[in-house]
Protein backbone atom coordinates (compact mmCIF):
# COMPACT_ATOMS: atom_id res chain seq x y z
CA MET A 1 51.25 6.76 59.26
CA THR A 2 48.78 9.54 59.94
CA TYR A 3 48.04 11.00 63.34
CA THR A 4 44.85 12.67 64.47
CA LYS A 5 44.67 16.00 66.22
CA GLY A 6 45.31 15.51 69.94
CA ALA A 7 47.13 12.21 69.46
CA TYR A 8 50.02 11.57 71.84
CA VAL A 9 53.29 10.95 70.02
CA PHE A 10 57.02 10.62 70.56
CA ILE A 11 59.20 13.03 68.56
CA LYS A 12 62.29 11.14 67.44
CA ARG A 13 65.74 12.37 66.42
CA GLY A 14 67.27 11.41 63.11
CA ASP A 15 69.10 8.46 64.72
CA GLY A 16 65.83 7.06 66.09
CA SER A 17 66.29 8.07 69.73
CA VAL A 18 63.41 9.87 71.41
CA LEU A 19 63.78 13.63 71.70
CA ALA A 20 60.49 14.43 73.43
CA ALA A 21 56.86 13.49 73.78
CA GLY A 22 54.08 15.71 72.55
CA ARG A 23 50.57 16.08 71.20
CA VAL A 24 49.61 16.62 67.59
CA GLN A 25 48.16 20.10 67.02
CA ARG A 26 47.42 19.74 63.32
CA ARG A 27 48.56 18.19 60.06
CA ARG A 28 49.93 20.58 57.48
CA PRO A 29 49.10 20.29 53.76
CA ASP A 30 52.70 19.22 53.04
CA GLY A 31 52.27 16.21 55.32
CA ARG A 32 54.27 17.51 58.27
CA TYR A 33 52.75 17.84 61.73
CA LYS A 34 52.66 20.64 64.26
CA VAL A 35 53.38 19.02 67.63
CA ARG A 36 53.20 20.69 71.06
CA LYS A 37 55.90 19.34 73.34
CA ALA A 38 54.84 17.94 76.70
CA GLY A 39 55.59 20.19 79.67
CA SER A 40 56.08 23.30 77.56
CA ASN A 41 54.18 25.47 75.13
CA GLN A 42 56.77 24.94 72.41
CA VAL A 43 55.26 23.89 69.09
CA VAL A 44 57.55 22.19 66.58
CA THR A 45 56.95 21.14 62.97
CA VAL A 46 57.93 17.52 62.44
CA PRO A 47 57.81 15.24 59.37
CA SER A 48 55.65 12.16 59.95
CA GLY A 49 58.68 9.88 59.69
CA ARG A 50 60.03 11.40 62.91
CA LEU A 51 56.87 10.64 64.91
CA GLU A 52 55.92 7.45 66.71
CA ALA A 53 52.64 6.61 68.42
CA HIS A 54 52.73 7.14 72.18
CA PRO A 55 51.25 4.32 74.30
CA GLN A 56 49.28 6.58 76.63
CA SER A 57 46.29 8.76 75.91
CA GLU A 58 46.80 11.43 78.55
CA TRP A 59 49.62 13.01 80.53
CA THR A 60 49.96 12.19 84.19
CA GLU A 61 50.75 14.95 86.65
CA HIS A 62 54.35 13.74 86.67
CA ASP A 63 54.70 14.45 82.94
CA LYS A 64 53.35 18.00 83.02
């Protein structure tokens, strides 16, 4: 699955549990994604298999 810039996603661990939520910053040429974690400025590089679409389209104040 491909994700567009700004899409809200869950970042999953290898066992399928959710590590964090974040927003897609960009897709790299090798197919991995740069994702900014919610509530922090940390950007992580994640393979697309470890991402899952997030049901909401914006963060609430509680999430920030």
